[in-house]
N, C-alpha and C. Protein backbone atom coordinates (compact mmCIF):
# COMPACT_ATOMS: atom_id res chain seq x y z
N UNK A 1 14.38 -27.28 7.79
CA UNK A 1 14.43 -26.24 7.49
C UNK A 1 16.55 -26.48 7.63
N UNK A 2 17.32 -26.15 6.16
CA UNK A 2 18.39 -26.54 5.79
C UNK A 2 19.20 -25.19 5.63
N UNK A 3 20.46 -25.12 6.47
CA UNK A 3 21.34 -24.21 6.28
C UNK A 3 22.65 -24.49 4.56
N UNK A 4 22.29 -23.14 3.93
CA UNK A 4 22.68 -23.35 2.34
C UNK A 4 23.49 -22.79 2.07
N UNK A 5 23.85 -21.95 3.21
CA UNK A 5 25.75 -20.86 3.13
C UNK A 5 26.23 -21.52 2.77
N UNK A 6 27.17 -21.50 1.86
CA UNK A 6 28.38 -22.81 1.11
C UNK A 6 29.43 -22.23 2.49
N UNK A 7 29.66 -21.03 2.84
CA UNK A 7 30.37 -20.81 3.99
C UNK A 7 30.41 -20.85 5.42
N UNK A 8 29.00 -21.08 5.41
CA UNK A 8 28.59 -21.29 7.18
C UNK A 8 29.05 -22.89 7.62
N UNK A 9 29.21 -22.46 8.98
CA UNK A 9 29.99 -24.02 9.46
C UNK A 9 28.97 -25.19 9.08
N UNK A 10 27.78 -24.58 9.80
CA UNK A 10 26.18 -25.97 9.02
C UNK A 10 25.35 -26.26 8.03
N UNK A 11 26.80 -25.75 7.04
CA UNK A 11 25.93 -25.23 5.93
C UNK A 11 25.49 -27.62 5.76
N UNK A 12 24.28 -27.48 4.60
CA UNK A 12 24.30 -28.58 5.10
C UNK A 12 22.69 -29.60 5.55
N UNK A 13 23.82 -29.21 6.48
CA UNK A 13 22.60 -29.58 7.96
C UNK A 13 20.88 -29.35 9.11
N UNK A 14 20.63 -30.32 8.52
CA UNK A 14 19.23 -29.90 8.95
C UNK A 14 18.62 -29.40 10.61
N UNK A 15 17.78 -28.54 10.56
CA UNK A 15 17.41 -28.45 11.66
C UNK A 15 15.51 -27.69 11.94
N UNK A 16 15.47 -27.66 13.18
CA UNK A 16 13.93 -27.23 12.76
C UNK A 16 13.51 -26.34 13.28
N UNK A 17 12.22 -25.88 12.06
CA UNK A 17 11.91 -24.65 12.08
C UNK A 17 11.36 -23.92 12.61
N UNK A 18 11.16 -22.77 13.50
CA UNK A 18 10.81 -22.50 14.76
C UNK A 18 9.69 -21.00 14.07
N UNK A 19 9.93 -19.86 13.96
CA UNK A 19 10.02 -19.02 12.59
C UNK A 19 10.52 -18.31 12.11
N UNK A 20 10.24 -17.61 11.02
CA UNK A 20 10.65 -16.24 10.05
C UNK A 20 9.98 -15.22 10.64
N UNK A 21 11.08 -14.84 10.51
CA UNK A 21 11.08 -12.86 11.42
C UNK A 21 11.67 -12.03 10.23
N UNK A 22 10.98 -11.00 11.02
CA UNK A 22 11.84 -9.56 10.07
C UNK A 22 12.20 -8.98 11.46
N UNK A 23 13.41 -8.68 11.78
CA UNK A 23 14.34 -7.80 13.39
C UNK A 23 14.94 -7.43 13.10
N UNK A 24 14.28 -5.93 12.86
CA UNK A 24 15.27 -4.74 12.71
C UNK A 24 15.21 -4.61 11.07
N UNK A 25 14.88 -4.55 10.26
CA UNK A 25 15.08 -5.12 8.98
C UNK A 25 15.42 -6.27 8.70
N UNK A 26 15.69 -6.82 9.25
CA UNK A 26 16.68 -8.26 8.61
C UNK A 26 15.65 -9.70 8.20
N UNK A 27 15.63 -9.92 7.14
CA UNK A 27 14.59 -11.56 7.78
C UNK A 27 15.60 -12.82 7.56
N UNK A 28 15.04 -13.14 9.02
CA UNK A 28 15.91 -13.72 9.36
C UNK A 28 15.27 -15.47 10.28
N UNK A 29 15.27 -16.29 9.78
CA UNK A 29 14.41 -17.34 10.77
C UNK A 29 15.20 -18.06 11.61
N UNK A 30 14.28 -18.32 12.82
CA UNK A 30 14.85 -19.29 14.27
C UNK A 30 14.89 -21.13 14.18
N UNK A 31 15.64 -20.96 14.13
CA UNK A 31 15.56 -22.63 14.63
C UNK A 31 16.26 -23.31 15.96
N UNK A 32 16.11 -24.67 15.50
CA UNK A 32 15.58 -25.54 17.47
C UNK A 32 16.70 -26.36 16.16
N UNK A 33 17.89 -26.87 17.94
CA UNK A 33 18.52 -27.90 17.59
C UNK A 33 19.48 -28.27 18.88
N UNK A 34 19.38 -29.31 19.51
CA UNK A 34 20.08 -29.94 21.08
C UNK A 34 21.45 -29.72 20.63
N UNK A 35 22.10 -29.37 19.33
CA UNK A 35 23.36 -30.31 19.28
C UNK A 35 23.65 -28.46 19.39
N UNK A 36 23.37 -27.30 18.74
CA UNK A 36 24.50 -26.12 18.46
C UNK A 36 24.19 -25.26 19.44
N UNK A 37 25.13 -24.87 19.87
CA UNK A 37 25.42 -23.80 20.77
C UNK A 37 25.75 -22.89 20.01
N UNK A 38 24.83 -21.62 19.62
CA UNK A 38 24.82 -20.45 19.20
C UNK A 38 23.71 -19.55 20.08
N UNK A 39 24.22 -18.37 20.67
CA UNK A 39 22.94 -17.46 21.09
C UNK A 39 22.86 -17.83 22.31
N UNK A 40 22.38 -18.63 22.46
CA UNK A 40 21.70 -19.08 23.62
C UNK A 40 22.55 -20.41 24.51
N UNK A 41 22.41 -19.90 26.13
CA UNK A 41 23.19 -20.58 26.85
C UNK A 41 22.89 -22.40 27.20
N UNK A 42 21.58 -21.97 26.85
CA UNK A 42 21.19 -23.45 26.66
C UNK A 42 21.41 -24.52 24.60
N UNK A 43 21.99 -23.71 24.47
CA UNK A 43 22.11 -23.98 22.74
C UNK A 43 20.96 -24.11 22.32
N UNK A 44 19.48 -23.81 22.25
CA UNK A 44 18.42 -24.61 21.84
C UNK A 44 17.89 -23.84 20.78
N UNK A 45 17.69 -22.84 21.26
CA UNK A 45 17.42 -21.91 19.61
C UNK A 45 17.99 -20.99 19.27
N UNK A 46 18.34 -20.74 18.10
CA UNK A 46 19.32 -19.75 17.26
C UNK A 46 18.62 -19.30 15.92
N UNK A 47 19.23 -17.84 15.65
CA UNK A 47 18.79 -17.69 13.99
C UNK A 47 19.56 -17.38 13.22
N UNK A 48 19.32 -17.34 12.12
CA UNK A 48 19.74 -17.23 11.09
C UNK A 48 19.23 -16.19 9.78
N UNK A 49 20.30 -15.28 8.57
CA UNK A 49 19.57 -14.71 7.67
C UNK A 49 19.12 -15.70 7.23
N UNK A 50 17.55 -15.68 6.76
CA UNK A 50 16.71 -16.01 5.90
C UNK A 50 17.66 -16.73 4.37
N UNK A 51 17.96 -15.53 3.98
CA UNK A 51 18.66 -16.05 2.96
C UNK A 51 20.02 -17.71 2.95
N UNK A 52 20.26 -17.92 3.93
CA UNK A 52 21.43 -18.57 4.47
C UNK A 52 20.57 -19.77 4.31
N UNK A 53 19.00 -20.16 4.22
CA UNK A 53 18.66 -21.24 4.18
C UNK A 53 17.93 -21.42 3.25
N UNK A 54 16.80 -22.84 3.48
CA UNK A 54 16.13 -22.81 1.78
C UNK A 54 14.78 -22.52 2.51
N UNK A 55 14.55 -21.80 2.84
CA UNK A 55 12.91 -20.87 3.64
C UNK A 55 12.58 -20.62 2.18
N UNK A 56 13.83 -19.72 1.31
CA UNK A 56 13.42 -18.43 0.73
C UNK A 56 13.62 -19.40 -0.64
N UNK A 57 13.74 -19.11 -1.45
CA UNK A 57 13.77 -18.95 -2.75
C UNK A 57 15.16 -18.83 -3.19
N UNK A 58 16.46 -19.46 -4.32
CA UNK A 58 17.35 -19.02 -3.88
C UNK A 58 17.54 -17.70 -5.07
N UNK A 59 18.49 -16.76 -4.54
CA UNK A 59 18.75 -15.41 -5.07
C UNK A 59 19.42 -15.58 -6.98
N UNK A 60 18.59 -15.50 -7.47
CA UNK A 60 18.90 -15.77 -8.93
C UNK A 60 19.89 -15.68 -9.42
N UNK A 61 20.91 -14.38 -8.90
CA UNK A 61 22.21 -14.43 -9.53
C UNK A 61 23.01 -14.74 -8.43
N UNK A 62 22.78 -15.44 -7.82
CA UNK A 62 24.10 -16.53 -6.93
C UNK A 62 24.03 -18.14 -7.80
N UNK A 63 22.57 -18.04 -7.92
CA UNK A 63 22.59 -19.32 -9.15
C UNK A 63 23.04 -19.24 -10.41
N UNK A 64 22.92 -18.09 -10.64
CA UNK A 64 23.66 -18.37 -12.27
C UNK A 64 25.35 -17.95 -12.27
N UNK A 65 25.26 -17.41 -11.42
CA UNK A 65 26.86 -17.18 -10.67
C UNK A 65 27.66 -18.18 -10.12
N UNK A 66 26.85 -19.35 -10.14
CA UNK A 66 27.71 -20.48 -9.26
C UNK A 66 28.84 -20.73 -8.37
N UNK A 67 29.10 -19.94 -7.21
CA UNK A 67 29.85 -19.17 -7.01
C UNK A 67 31.56 -18.52 -7.81
N UNK A 68 31.23 -17.97 -9.02
CA UNK A 68 32.53 -17.29 -9.59
C UNK A 68 32.45 -16.06 -9.40
N UNK A 69 31.76 -15.45 -7.96
CA UNK A 69 31.87 -13.93 -7.82
C UNK A 69 31.36 -13.60 -6.08
N UNK A 70 31.73 -12.94 -5.82
CA UNK A 70 31.46 -12.98 -3.89
C UNK A 70 30.42 -12.12 -4.07
N UNK A 71 30.25 -10.96 -4.98
CA UNK A 71 29.52 -10.23 -4.59
C UNK A 71 28.05 -10.39 -5.22
N UNK A 72 27.09 -9.92 -4.88
CA UNK A 72 25.69 -9.17 -5.80
C UNK A 72 25.80 -7.91 -6.48
N UNK A 73 25.14 -7.40 -7.21
CA UNK A 73 25.13 -6.24 -8.08
C UNK A 73 24.36 -5.62 -6.91
N UNK A 74 23.18 -5.88 -5.74
CA UNK A 74 22.23 -5.10 -5.28
C UNK A 74 23.37 -4.97 -3.65
N UNK A 75 24.37 -5.82 -3.56
CA UNK A 75 25.11 -5.44 -2.26
C UNK A 75 26.47 -4.70 -2.97
N UNK A 76 26.86 -4.59 -3.89
CA UNK A 76 27.52 -3.83 -4.35
C UNK A 76 27.50 -1.82 -4.40
N UNK A 77 25.68 -1.78 -5.10
CA UNK A 77 25.22 -1.05 -4.64
C UNK A 77 25.01 -0.30 -3.77
N UNK A 78 24.87 -1.44 -2.29
CA UNK A 78 24.13 -0.86 -1.08
C UNK A 78 25.87 -0.06 -0.23
N UNK A 79 26.90 -0.99 -0.41
CA UNK A 79 28.49 -0.09 -0.55
C UNK A 79 28.57 1.00 -0.96
N UNK A 80 28.32 0.66 -2.08
CA UNK A 80 28.14 2.05 -2.69
C UNK A 80 27.52 3.52 -2.51
N UNK A 81 26.20 3.52 -2.08
CA UNK A 81 25.34 4.31 -1.88
C UNK A 81 26.18 4.80 -0.23
N UNK A 82 26.32 3.24 0.33
CA UNK A 82 26.53 3.79 1.74
C UNK A 82 28.00 4.45 2.10
N UNK A 83 28.68 4.64 0.98
CA UNK A 83 30.08 5.33 1.39
C UNK A 83 29.61 6.66 1.14
N UNK A 84 28.78 7.22 0.49
CA UNK A 84 28.55 8.44 0.61
C UNK A 84 27.50 9.24 1.41
N UNK A 85 26.95 8.74 1.92
CA UNK A 85 26.10 9.09 3.36
C UNK A 85 26.47 9.92 4.40
């Protein structure tokens, strides 16, 4: 499994895939690597949003925008809706 989020410090690194789960409505992948120390005192198991890895197909908006847009339409709509709750 490869981290693909361009701003993540582990971008481009490959890790051992452990699981793909929904945690509290968040689509996440759990990865394993002895060299990374995230979330676990032993540094062996950590999770990232699935969209930050190559587990799922790339978002078509992100591909077409090619880094020229920091926000997706769905993300902006979610922020707008949240302001009126």
